[in-house]
Protein backbone atom coordinates (compact mmCIF):
# COMPACT_ATOMS: atom_id res chain seq x y z
CA MET A 1 48.77 109.27 119.15
CA LYS A 2 50.65 106.12 120.08
CA TYR A 3 50.22 103.13 117.77
CA ASP A 4 53.39 101.09 118.16
CA LEU A 5 53.01 97.32 118.03
CA PRO A 6 55.09 94.90 120.04
CA LEU A 7 57.35 94.78 117.00
CA THR A 8 59.40 91.68 117.74
CA ARG A 9 56.45 89.31 117.75
CA TRP A 10 54.51 91.07 115.00
CA GLN A 11 57.55 91.54 112.80
CA LEU A 12 58.10 87.79 112.87
CA LEU A 13 54.49 87.22 111.81
CA ILE A 14 54.65 89.86 109.09
CA ILE A 15 57.95 88.53 107.75
CA SER A 16 56.24 85.14 107.46
CA ILE A 17 53.36 86.81 105.61
CA LEU A 18 55.82 88.48 103.24
CA VAL A 19 57.46 85.13 102.49
CA ILE A 20 54.04 83.62 101.79
CA GLY A 21 53.16 86.57 99.52
CA ILE A 22 56.38 86.19 97.54
CA PHE A 23 55.78 82.45 97.25
CA PHE A 24 52.31 83.00 95.75
CA ARG A 25 53.68 85.51 93.26
CA PHE A 26 55.97 82.90 91.75
CA LEU A 27 53.70 79.86 92.18
CA TYR A 28 52.35 78.25 88.99
CA LEU A 29 53.33 81.19 86.78
CA ASP A 30 52.46 79.29 83.62
CA ARG A 31 49.24 77.64 84.81
CA LYS A 32 46.63 80.31 84.15
CA VAL A 33 45.35 81.15 80.69
CA TYR A 34 47.66 83.40 78.69
CA TRP A 35 44.86 85.81 77.97
CA TYR A 36 44.00 88.37 75.31
CA ASP A 37 45.98 91.31 76.76
CA GLU A 38 49.03 89.15 77.43
CA VAL A 39 49.00 87.99 73.81
CA PHE A 40 49.44 91.63 72.83
CA THR A 41 52.27 91.96 75.35
CA SER A 42 54.12 89.23 73.49
CA LEU A 43 53.34 90.76 70.11
CA ARG A 44 54.81 94.08 71.24
CA ILE A 45 57.94 92.84 73.00
CA PHE A 46 58.77 90.61 70.03
CA GLY A 47 58.31 93.55 67.66
CA TYR A 48 55.22 92.42 65.71
CA THR A 49 52.19 94.50 64.80
CA GLU A 50 48.66 93.16 64.79
CA SER A 51 48.15 94.20 61.17
CA GLU A 52 51.25 92.25 60.17
CA VAL A 53 49.97 89.11 61.88
CA ILE A 54 46.51 89.40 60.35
CA GLN A 55 47.83 89.96 56.85
CA GLN A 56 50.00 86.87 57.18
CA VAL A 57 47.34 84.50 58.51
CA SER A 58 44.67 85.84 56.14
CA ARG A 59 46.88 85.14 53.16
CA HIS A 60 46.58 81.37 53.54
CA PRO A 61 43.39 79.31 53.23
CA VAL A 62 44.39 77.17 56.23
CA VAL A 63 47.01 77.81 58.91
CA GLY A 64 48.37 75.58 61.64
CA LEU A 65 49.07 76.11 65.30
CA GLU A 66 52.72 76.80 64.61
CA ASP A 67 51.78 79.58 62.18
CA LEU A 68 49.92 81.41 64.97
CA GLN A 69 52.42 80.75 67.74
CA ARG A 70 55.39 82.06 65.78
CA TYR A 71 54.24 85.60 66.60
CA GLN A 72 54.49 84.81 70.32
CA HIS A 73 58.19 83.97 70.25
CA ASP A 74 61.46 85.79 69.77
CA ALA A 75 62.40 86.08 66.12
CA GLY A 76 65.44 88.27 66.62
CA ARG A 77 63.73 91.64 66.17
CA ASN A 78 65.24 94.62 67.98
CA LEU A 79 64.02 97.18 70.51
CA LEU A 80 63.16 99.65 67.78
CA ASP A 81 60.65 97.14 66.37
CA THR A 82 59.04 96.90 69.82
CA ILE A 83 58.70 100.69 70.09
CA LYS A 84 57.39 100.97 66.52
CA SER A 85 54.75 98.35 67.24
CA LEU A 86 53.50 100.30 70.25
CA ALA A 87 53.67 103.69 68.56
CA THR A 88 51.79 102.41 65.53
CA GLU A 89 48.98 100.46 67.17
CA ASP A 90 49.13 100.52 70.99
CA PHE A 91 49.97 104.13 71.78
CA GLN A 92 47.99 104.15 75.04
CA HIS A 93 50.70 101.88 76.45
CA PRO A 94 54.04 103.71 76.84
CA PRO A 95 57.12 101.62 76.02
CA LEU A 96 59.13 101.30 79.26
CA TYR A 97 57.76 97.97 80.50
CA TYR A 98 57.86 96.49 77.00
CA ALA A 99 61.45 97.62 76.54
CA ILE A 100 62.45 95.98 79.82
CA ALA A 101 60.55 92.82 78.85
CA HIS A 102 62.25 92.83 75.42
CA PHE A 103 65.66 92.47 77.03
CA TRP A 104 64.32 90.17 79.75
CA ILE A 105 63.26 87.51 77.23
CA LYS A 106 66.65 87.75 75.54
CA TRP A 107 68.12 86.63 78.85
CA LEU A 108 65.58 84.13 80.20
CA GLY A 109 63.66 83.01 77.13
CA ASP A 110 60.14 83.60 75.90
CA SER A 111 58.14 81.01 77.82
CA ILE A 112 54.98 82.08 79.65
CA ALA A 113 56.67 81.55 83.02
CA ALA A 114 59.67 83.66 81.98
CA ILE A 115 57.58 86.57 80.70
CA ARG A 116 55.28 86.58 83.72
CA GLY A 117 58.30 86.13 85.96
CA LEU A 118 59.36 89.70 85.17
CA SER A 119 56.13 91.07 86.63
CA ALA A 120 56.41 88.78 89.63
CA LEU A 121 59.97 89.91 90.32
CA ILE A 122 59.07 93.59 89.97
CA SER A 123 56.10 93.11 92.32
CA VAL A 124 58.47 92.18 95.16
CA LEU A 125 59.71 95.79 95.07
CA VAL A 126 56.26 96.84 96.25
CA PHE A 127 57.19 95.84 99.81
CA PRO A 128 60.11 98.25 100.37
CA SER A 129 58.28 100.90 98.36
CA ILE A 130 55.13 100.89 100.49
CA TYR A 131 57.29 100.69 103.61
CA TRP A 132 59.09 103.88 102.57
CA LEU A 133 55.84 105.69 101.76
CA CYS A 134 54.33 104.79 105.14
CA ARG A 135 57.46 105.92 106.96
CA GLU A 136 57.16 109.29 105.22
CA LEU A 137 53.52 109.52 106.29
CA PHE A 138 53.55 108.08 109.81
CA PRO A 139 56.02 108.44 112.70
CA SER A 140 55.64 104.80 113.74
CA PRO A 141 57.00 101.89 111.67
CA SER A 142 54.06 99.69 112.68
CA VAL A 143 51.80 101.10 109.93
CA ALA A 144 54.48 100.31 107.36
CA TRP A 145 54.77 96.73 108.58
CA VAL A 146 51.02 96.14 108.48
CA SER A 147 50.79 97.76 105.02
CA MET A 148 53.41 95.37 103.68
CA ALA A 149 51.49 92.42 105.10
CA LEU A 150 48.18 93.54 103.56
CA VAL A 151 49.73 94.03 100.12
CA ALA A 152 51.72 90.79 100.34
CA VAL A 153 48.65 88.54 100.47
CA SER A 154 46.20 90.83 98.70
CA PRO A 155 44.60 88.56 96.05
CA PHE A 156 44.36 91.46 93.60
CA HIS A 157 48.04 92.37 93.86
CA VAL A 158 49.07 88.72 93.59
CA LEU A 159 46.98 88.30 90.43
CA MET A 160 48.51 91.46 88.92
CA ALA A 161 51.97 90.17 89.83
CA GLN A 162 51.34 87.13 87.63
CA GLU A 163 50.19 89.09 84.59
CA ALA A 164 52.53 89.73 81.68
CA ARG A 165 51.56 93.41 81.80
CA GLN A 166 53.02 96.63 83.18
CA TYR A 167 50.81 96.98 86.26
CA SER A 168 53.26 95.58 88.82
CA LEU A 169 55.81 98.11 87.61
CA TRP A 170 53.21 100.87 87.78
CA THR A 171 52.32 99.88 91.36
CA VAL A 172 55.96 100.26 92.39
CA ILE A 173 56.25 103.62 90.62
CA ILE A 174 53.07 104.96 92.28
CA LEU A 175 54.52 104.18 95.70
CA LEU A 176 58.01 105.47 94.91
CA SER A 177 56.78 108.74 93.39
CA SER A 178 54.44 109.32 96.33
CA ALA A 179 57.21 108.66 98.86
CA SER A 180 59.70 110.76 96.92
CA VAL A 181 57.41 113.81 96.75
CA LEU A 182 56.87 113.66 100.51
CA ARG A 183 60.60 113.35 101.04
CA ALA A 184 61.24 116.26 98.69
CA ILE A 185 58.76 118.43 100.58
CA ARG A 186 60.36 117.45 103.89
CA LEU A 187 64.00 117.93 102.84
CA SER A 188 63.47 120.73 100.29
CA SER A 189 66.70 119.79 98.49
CA LYS A 190 67.43 119.90 94.79
CA LEU A 191 68.46 116.25 94.74
CA SER A 192 65.20 115.09 96.31
CA TRP A 193 63.14 117.03 93.77
CA ARG A 194 65.25 115.65 90.93
CA LEU A 195 64.55 112.15 92.17
CA TYR A 196 60.84 112.97 92.20
CA ALA A 197 61.04 114.26 88.62
CA ILE A 198 62.74 111.02 87.58
CA SER A 199 59.99 108.98 89.26
CA LEU A 200 57.36 110.90 87.29
CA ILE A 201 59.21 110.35 84.03
CA VAL A 202 59.51 106.62 84.70
CA GLY A 203 55.83 106.54 85.72
CA LEU A 204 54.60 108.32 82.61
CA TYR A 205 56.59 105.99 80.40
CA THR A 206 55.04 103.07 82.28
CA PHE A 207 51.34 104.05 82.28
CA LEU A 208 49.50 107.21 81.26
CA PHE A 209 47.42 107.40 84.44
CA THR A 210 50.59 108.39 86.29
CA GLY A 211 49.44 111.87 85.32
CA LEU A 212 46.54 111.52 87.78
CA VAL A 213 48.98 110.53 90.54
CA ALA A 214 51.06 113.64 89.81
CA ILE A 215 47.95 115.83 89.86
CA ALA A 216 47.04 114.44 93.29
CA HIS A 217 50.53 115.36 94.52
CA GLY A 218 50.11 118.87 93.17
CA LEU A 219 46.70 119.39 94.75
CA TYR A 220 48.07 118.15 98.05
CA LEU A 221 51.00 120.53 97.89
CA PHE A 222 48.96 123.61 96.98
CA SER A 223 46.34 122.89 99.63
CA LEU A 224 48.91 123.26 102.43
CA LYS A 225 49.21 127.03 102.77
CA THR A 226 52.41 127.46 104.73
CA LEU A 227 55.70 129.10 103.85
CA GLN A 228 57.46 125.76 103.59
CA PHE A 229 54.95 124.39 101.12
CA SER A 230 54.84 127.63 99.16
CA LYS A 231 58.54 127.23 98.51
CA ALA A 232 58.03 123.60 97.58
CA ALA A 233 55.34 124.56 95.06
CA SER A 234 57.85 126.05 92.66
CA ALA A 235 60.06 122.98 92.97
CA TYR A 236 57.07 120.75 92.24
CA PHE A 237 56.21 122.88 89.22
CA ILE A 238 59.73 122.56 87.83
CA ALA A 239 59.80 118.80 88.47
CA SER A 240 56.43 118.36 86.72
CA LEU A 241 57.52 120.47 83.74
CA THR A 242 60.69 118.39 83.49
CA ALA A 243 58.65 115.18 83.42
CA ILE A 244 56.24 116.61 80.86
CA ALA A 245 59.12 117.76 78.65
CA ALA A 246 60.75 114.33 78.84
CA PHE A 247 57.44 112.73 77.87
CA ILE A 248 56.82 115.01 74.86
CA PRO A 249 57.86 112.40 72.24
CA TRP A 250 55.18 109.99 73.44
CA THR A 251 52.73 112.80 74.21
CA ILE A 252 52.67 113.71 70.53
CA ILE A 253 51.72 110.12 69.68
CA VAL A 254 49.05 110.03 72.40
CA VAL A 255 47.45 113.37 71.48
CA SER A 256 47.30 112.55 67.79
CA ASN A 257 45.48 109.30 68.60
CA PHE A 258 43.42 110.42 71.62
CA SER A 259 40.06 109.37 70.19
CA ALA A 260 41.30 105.84 69.57
CA ILE A 261 42.73 105.65 73.11
CA ASN A 262 39.45 106.82 74.62
CA SER A 263 37.50 104.18 72.72
CA ASN A 264 39.89 101.46 73.92
CA VAL A 265 39.62 102.58 77.55
CA ASN A 266 35.82 102.75 77.35
CA LYS A 267 34.91 99.98 74.96
CA ASP A 268 32.00 98.57 76.98
CA GLU A 269 28.37 99.57 76.98
CA ALA A 270 26.77 101.38 79.89
CA ILE A 271 25.30 99.27 82.68
CA PRO A 272 22.55 100.14 85.20
CA LEU A 273 23.59 102.27 88.16
CA LEU A 274 22.76 99.56 90.71
CA SER A 275 24.91 97.03 88.87
CA LEU A 276 27.70 99.59 88.66
CA VAL A 277 27.59 100.17 92.42
CA LYS A 278 27.55 96.41 93.09
CA ALA A 279 30.62 96.02 90.90
CA TRP A 280 32.43 98.80 92.78
CA VAL A 281 31.74 97.02 96.06
CA PHE A 282 33.01 93.69 94.78
CA ASN A 283 36.08 95.23 93.18
CA LEU A 284 36.89 96.85 96.52
CA SER A 285 36.60 93.52 98.32
CA TYR A 286 39.02 91.87 95.86
CA ILE A 287 41.98 93.65 97.45
CA PHE A 288 41.24 91.66 100.63
CA PHE A 289 39.24 88.57 99.66
CA ASP A 290 38.58 86.85 96.34
CA ILE A 291 37.40 83.28 95.88
CA TRP A 292 34.79 83.97 93.22
CA GLY A 293 36.62 82.78 90.13
CA GLN A 294 34.46 83.24 87.03
CA SER A 295 31.03 83.59 88.66
CA SER A 296 28.85 86.45 87.44
CA LEU A 297 28.49 89.69 89.35
CA GLU A 298 24.79 89.11 90.06
CA SER A 299 25.32 85.61 91.47
CA ARG A 300 28.22 86.80 93.60
CA PHE A 301 26.24 89.66 95.10
CA ALA A 302 23.14 87.56 95.72
CA LEU A 303 24.98 84.81 97.59
CA THR A 304 27.90 86.54 99.25
CA HIS A 305 26.93 90.10 100.19
CA LEU A 306 27.28 89.21 103.88
CA ILE A 307 30.96 88.48 103.21
CA VAL A 308 31.67 91.41 100.90
CA LEU A 309 29.89 94.23 102.74
CA PRO A 310 32.08 94.00 105.88
CA PHE A 311 35.06 94.95 103.72
CA LEU A 312 33.11 97.99 102.50
CA PHE A 313 32.43 98.95 106.11
CA LEU A 314 36.08 98.37 107.01
CA THR A 315 37.19 100.67 104.21
CA GLY A 316 34.72 103.39 105.13
CA TYR A 317 35.60 103.30 108.81
CA SER A 318 39.34 103.26 108.03
CA LEU A 319 39.06 106.42 105.93
CA TYR A 320 36.92 108.11 108.59
CA PHE A 321 39.36 107.08 111.35
CA LEU A 322 42.28 108.33 109.27
CA TYR A 323 40.61 111.72 108.79
CA ARG A 324 39.69 112.11 112.46
CA THR A 325 42.91 110.97 114.10
CA THR A 326 45.82 112.00 111.86
CA THR A 327 47.24 115.36 110.89
CA LYS A 328 45.84 117.25 107.94
CA GLN A 329 49.00 116.51 105.94
CA VAL A 330 48.65 112.74 106.32
CA SER A 331 44.92 112.37 105.77
CA LEU A 332 44.84 114.85 102.89
CA PHE A 333 47.63 113.08 101.04
CA ILE A 334 45.92 109.68 101.18
CA LEU A 335 42.40 110.98 100.51
CA LEU A 336 43.54 113.03 97.52
CA SER A 337 45.46 110.05 96.13
CA ILE A 338 42.24 108.04 96.29
CA ALA A 339 39.88 110.73 94.99
CA VAL A 340 41.95 112.04 92.08
CA SER A 341 42.49 108.53 90.72
CA THR A 342 38.83 107.54 91.14
CA ILE A 343 36.65 110.52 90.21
CA PRO A 344 37.90 110.90 86.59
CA LEU A 345 36.82 107.30 85.94
CA ILE A 346 33.56 107.24 87.92
CA LEU A 347 32.06 110.52 86.75
CA PRO A 348 32.15 109.72 83.00
CA ASP A 349 30.52 106.36 83.73
CA LEU A 350 27.73 108.07 85.65
CA ILE A 351 27.22 110.91 83.16
CA LEU A 352 28.10 109.41 79.77
CA GLY A 353 27.80 105.72 80.46
CA GLY A 354 30.49 103.08 80.22
CA GLN A 355 32.56 100.86 82.49
CA ARG A 356 35.84 102.72 82.91
CA SER A 357 35.62 102.55 86.69
CA LEU A 358 35.23 98.74 86.68
CA THR A 359 38.73 98.11 85.33
CA MET A 360 40.57 97.51 88.58
CA ARG A 361 44.06 97.98 87.18
CA TYR A 362 43.20 101.61 86.36
CA LEU A 363 42.44 102.19 90.06
CA ILE A 364 45.63 100.82 91.60
CA PRO A 365 46.44 104.20 93.27
CA THR A 366 42.97 104.13 94.85
CA TYR A 367 43.39 100.63 96.25
CA LEU A 368 46.86 101.37 97.59
CA GLY A 369 45.50 104.41 99.44
CA ILE A 370 42.71 102.31 100.92
CA GLN A 371 45.12 99.60 102.05
CA ILE A 372 47.34 102.16 103.76
CA ALA A 373 44.29 103.62 105.53
CA VAL A 374 43.26 100.14 106.71
CA ALA A 375 46.82 99.43 107.83
CA TYR A 376 46.80 102.65 109.89
CA LEU A 377 43.51 101.65 111.53
CA LEU A 378 44.76 98.17 112.41
CA ALA A 379 48.16 99.34 113.65
CA THR A 380 46.54 101.97 115.86
CA LYS A 381 43.89 99.69 117.32
CA LEU A 382 46.37 96.89 117.93
CA SER A 383 48.21 99.14 120.38
CA SER A 384 45.04 100.04 122.27
CA SER A 385 45.33 100.23 126.05
CA SER A 386 42.24 98.05 126.41
CA VAL A 387 43.04 94.34 126.48
CA LYS A 388 39.62 93.43 125.06
CA GLN A 389 40.07 95.85 122.16
CA GLN A 390 43.52 94.46 121.46
CA ILE A 391 42.12 90.92 121.29
CA PHE A 392 39.33 91.98 118.92
CA TRP A 393 41.66 93.87 116.57
CA ARG A 394 44.26 91.12 116.62
CA LEU A 395 41.61 88.61 115.61
CA LEU A 396 40.34 90.97 112.89
CA THR A 397 43.85 91.53 111.55
CA LEU A 398 44.50 87.79 111.46
CA ALA A 399 41.12 87.25 109.77
CA ILE A 400 41.96 89.79 107.03
CA LEU A 401 45.39 88.28 106.42
CA THR A 402 43.96 84.76 106.49
CA SER A 403 41.26 85.71 103.98
CA GLY A 404 43.98 86.96 101.65
CA ILE A 405 46.01 83.77 102.01
CA LEU A 406 42.90 81.64 101.46
CA SER A 407 42.08 83.62 98.33
CA CYS A 408 45.58 83.08 96.96
CA VAL A 409 45.39 79.33 97.69
CA VAL A 410 42.05 79.02 95.88
CA SER A 411 43.10 80.96 92.78
CA ALA A 412 46.64 79.57 92.52
CA ARG A 413 45.61 76.12 91.34
CA THR A 414 43.03 77.23 88.76
CA GLU A 415 43.56 77.61 85.04
CA THR A 416 41.64 80.84 84.86
CA TRP A 417 40.07 83.64 86.91
CA TRP A 418 37.86 86.68 86.40
CA THR A 419 40.95 88.74 85.53
CA LYS A 420 41.28 86.84 82.24
CA GLY A 421 38.23 88.44 80.62
CA ASN A 422 36.76 86.55 77.67
CA SER A 423 39.83 84.32 77.59
CA ALA A 424 38.61 82.71 80.83
CA GLU A 425 36.48 80.41 78.66
CA ASN A 426 39.49 79.03 76.77
CA PRO A 427 40.03 75.82 78.80
CA GLN A 428 36.49 74.58 78.11
CA VAL A 429 36.68 75.57 74.44
CA ALA A 430 40.07 73.91 74.01
CA GLN A 431 38.86 70.70 75.64
CA ILE A 432 35.94 70.44 73.18
CA ILE A 433 38.12 71.10 70.14
CA ASN A 434 40.99 68.84 71.25
CA GLU A 435 38.60 65.89 71.61
CA ALA A 436 38.08 65.89 67.84
CA ASN A 437 40.37 63.74 65.69
CA ARG A 438 41.07 66.25 62.91
CA PRO A 439 39.47 69.58 63.90
CA LEU A 440 39.23 72.74 61.83
CA VAL A 441 38.48 76.05 63.55
CA ILE A 442 36.91 78.79 61.44
CA SER A 443 36.71 82.31 62.82
CA ASP A 444 36.56 86.01 62.05
CA THR A 445 36.96 87.18 65.65
CA LYS A 446 39.90 89.24 66.92
CA ILE A 447 43.30 87.69 66.39
CA GLY A 448 44.21 88.13 70.07
CA ARG A 449 41.38 85.81 71.09
CA ILE A 450 42.44 83.19 68.57
CA ILE A 451 46.11 83.26 69.59
CA SER A 452 45.15 83.12 73.27
CA LEU A 453 43.08 79.99 72.59
CA SER A 454 45.90 78.47 70.54
CA TYR A 455 48.06 78.14 73.69
CA LEU A 456 45.73 75.36 74.89
CA LEU A 457 45.15 73.57 71.58
CA GLU A 458 46.94 70.50 70.26
CA PRO A 459 49.09 70.65 67.09
CA LYS A 460 46.44 68.70 65.13
CA VAL A 461 44.12 71.72 65.12
CA GLN A 462 43.96 73.74 61.89
CA PHE A 463 42.50 77.23 61.34
CA GLN A 464 40.72 79.08 58.57
CA LEU A 465 40.80 82.75 59.56
CA LYS A 466 39.80 86.24 58.53
CA PRO A 467 40.37 87.90 61.90
CA LYS A 468 39.30 91.35 62.98
CA CYS A 469 41.89 93.97 63.88
CA HIS A 470 41.58 95.49 67.35
CA THR A 471 44.43 98.00 67.36
CA CYS A 472 45.14 98.63 63.68
CA GLN A 473 43.21 100.68 61.17
CA LEU A 474 43.10 98.14 58.35
CA ASP A 475 40.00 96.08 57.62
CA PHE A 476 40.47 92.36 57.15
CA THR A 477 36.94 91.33 58.04
CA SER A 478 35.74 90.09 54.65
CA ASN A 479 33.60 86.98 55.00
CA LEU A 480 35.18 83.60 54.67
CA SER A 481 34.23 81.61 51.62
CA PHE A 482 33.64 77.98 52.51
CA ASP A 483 34.41 75.17 50.12
CA ALA A 484 32.14 72.22 50.98
CA GLY A 485 34.87 69.90 49.75
CA ILE A 486 37.13 71.00 52.59
CA SER A 487 34.98 69.02 55.03
CA THR A 488 36.42 65.78 53.71
CA ASN A 489 39.77 66.67 55.25
CA TYR A 490 38.45 67.19 58.80
CA SER A 491 36.46 65.16 61.28
CA ASP A 492 34.93 68.23 62.96
CA ILE A 493 34.51 71.86 61.90
CA PHE A 494 34.04 74.51 64.58
CA LEU A 495 33.03 78.14 64.31
CA TYR A 496 34.72 80.11 67.09
CA LYS A 497 33.06 83.41 68.09
CA PRO A 498 31.74 83.97 64.55
CA SER A 499 30.25 87.34 63.66
CA ASP A 500 26.54 87.42 62.90
CA ASP A 501 27.31 87.80 59.20
CA MET A 502 29.57 84.78 59.19
CA LEU A 503 27.06 82.66 61.08
CA ASN A 504 24.26 83.65 58.73
CA ASN A 505 26.40 82.82 55.71
CA PHE A 506 27.15 79.35 57.02
CA ASN A 507 23.49 78.77 57.86
CA GLN A 508 22.66 79.47 54.23
CA ILE A 509 25.06 76.87 52.85
CA GLN A 510 23.04 74.02 51.40
CA ASN A 511 23.20 70.68 53.26
CA TYR A 512 25.00 72.23 56.26
CA THR A 513 23.71 73.17 59.71
CA THR A 514 25.25 74.98 62.68
CA LYS A 515 24.84 73.88 66.28
CA LEU A 516 25.84 75.83 69.39
CA VAL A 517 28.05 73.53 71.48
CA TYR A 518 29.40 75.96 74.10
CA GLU A 519 27.33 79.09 74.58
CA PRO A 520 29.61 81.18 76.89
CA ALA A 521 32.32 81.30 74.22
CA ARG A 522 29.94 81.16 71.23
CA LEU A 523 31.50 77.95 69.92
CA TRP A 524 29.45 76.42 67.11
CA LYS A 525 29.84 73.19 65.21
CA LEU A 526 29.26 72.94 61.48
CA SER A 527 27.70 69.66 60.39
CA GLN A 528 26.39 68.10 57.19
CA ASP A 529 22.89 66.71 56.95
CA LYS A 530 22.66 63.01 57.74
CA SER A 531 21.92 62.23 54.13
CA ILE A 532 25.46 63.33 53.19
CA SER A 533 28.52 61.64 54.64
CA LEU A 534 30.97 64.01 56.31
CA ASN A 535 33.92 61.72 55.71
């Protein structure tokens, strides 16, 4: 089937789209909240452990902002400290990205913009990577060009590109490993299979779910029952064994801590099936259109389903069109890439409960497969012999690209977004606390939340902490003892995300009352009765 675009004109448009996409990846890198997960990125690359931080801050009755922020800056620790930190507490995250980031900050510094800049720079490699994959799949370059454009202004990919996490690197590896396995099958040379083995090794040391990508490649290979693919099967087997053997050191760490990893991946309670389906639909739309910010899932679906559902239809029709109009090799490769990365997350949620399938970064292979399918649909329809059809599909393509650009414009100037989790509330919390003259913040919540909030607080803020440990096995959650005399040193005392036990203890202190001042973040204020002067 012919689906060549008039490349000169469309290439100029797509090159402009790529420039815009790169611009958004580097725009306002330090503006959004440095959220909970990114705090742990800094802890790891600087060689600290969470237990070390908690023991230090719990040792003092009151700590300042500088005491918390020192664990977010380079203190001269080496790469071995970074790897030890991950192996001890964060074993579900292999060390490659953190090792790269460790040397990156030595070169460019440890500011938020510098750390996130690494992810943004890596994300630019997505464009040649997806181009290569599409050229291996499709005879025409037009699909590759449209795929690059869709990814360039995809609001989801732009948001991931500005996260101090490994997911931009993983996106590149997914595309490179997929392209390299197709090339190895086509060329059937030792060098091509060695390159594929290297891509798997790099992928496994970037993110554990690379294993699902490799399984999809294997299923694809073994489903094609021809002599050529039978010969390739043994090469794939050797390449996979090589990658597994190279990953054995980290595999031992992962296997010995599997239960802890599983609890971290599925840490949320089950939600009703209808809400789960709604969330899937919205997550799918985010790869094309996202202006929702921090609004709740229910409010988004109630007000905007007429906008979101067309993207669901577009995805469904693209996959159907791909299956009906391409060769078995092409459609099977993309459909398996989507299914193998999705089913292992969806089925446990449906059977056992949980929200594994709602974490979009775990489903990056799925979204890439969908975007390639949509790109194939658009590229094919744009070359239709019917003038009316060409006009319709050109307008649709421009509408999709425009919706992505609009989404990036809306989110670029904000301090936070839905991707920031509970840390999205930090700007409002920080504003309330910073308005006080001499504020004290008391908390027993997780240290990552406290450090994330500290990025937005002024130096005058002091802390009294007994934080919980998220990744370590030690227990530092003993209740804070409050000395009523301490209130004379502070104009305002806040309780930030206190546990129920802590809140009850403070409610029982004579002559003191607690008042909820910002419900979304569970920020309380501790006050004396009017009969007793606070100052």
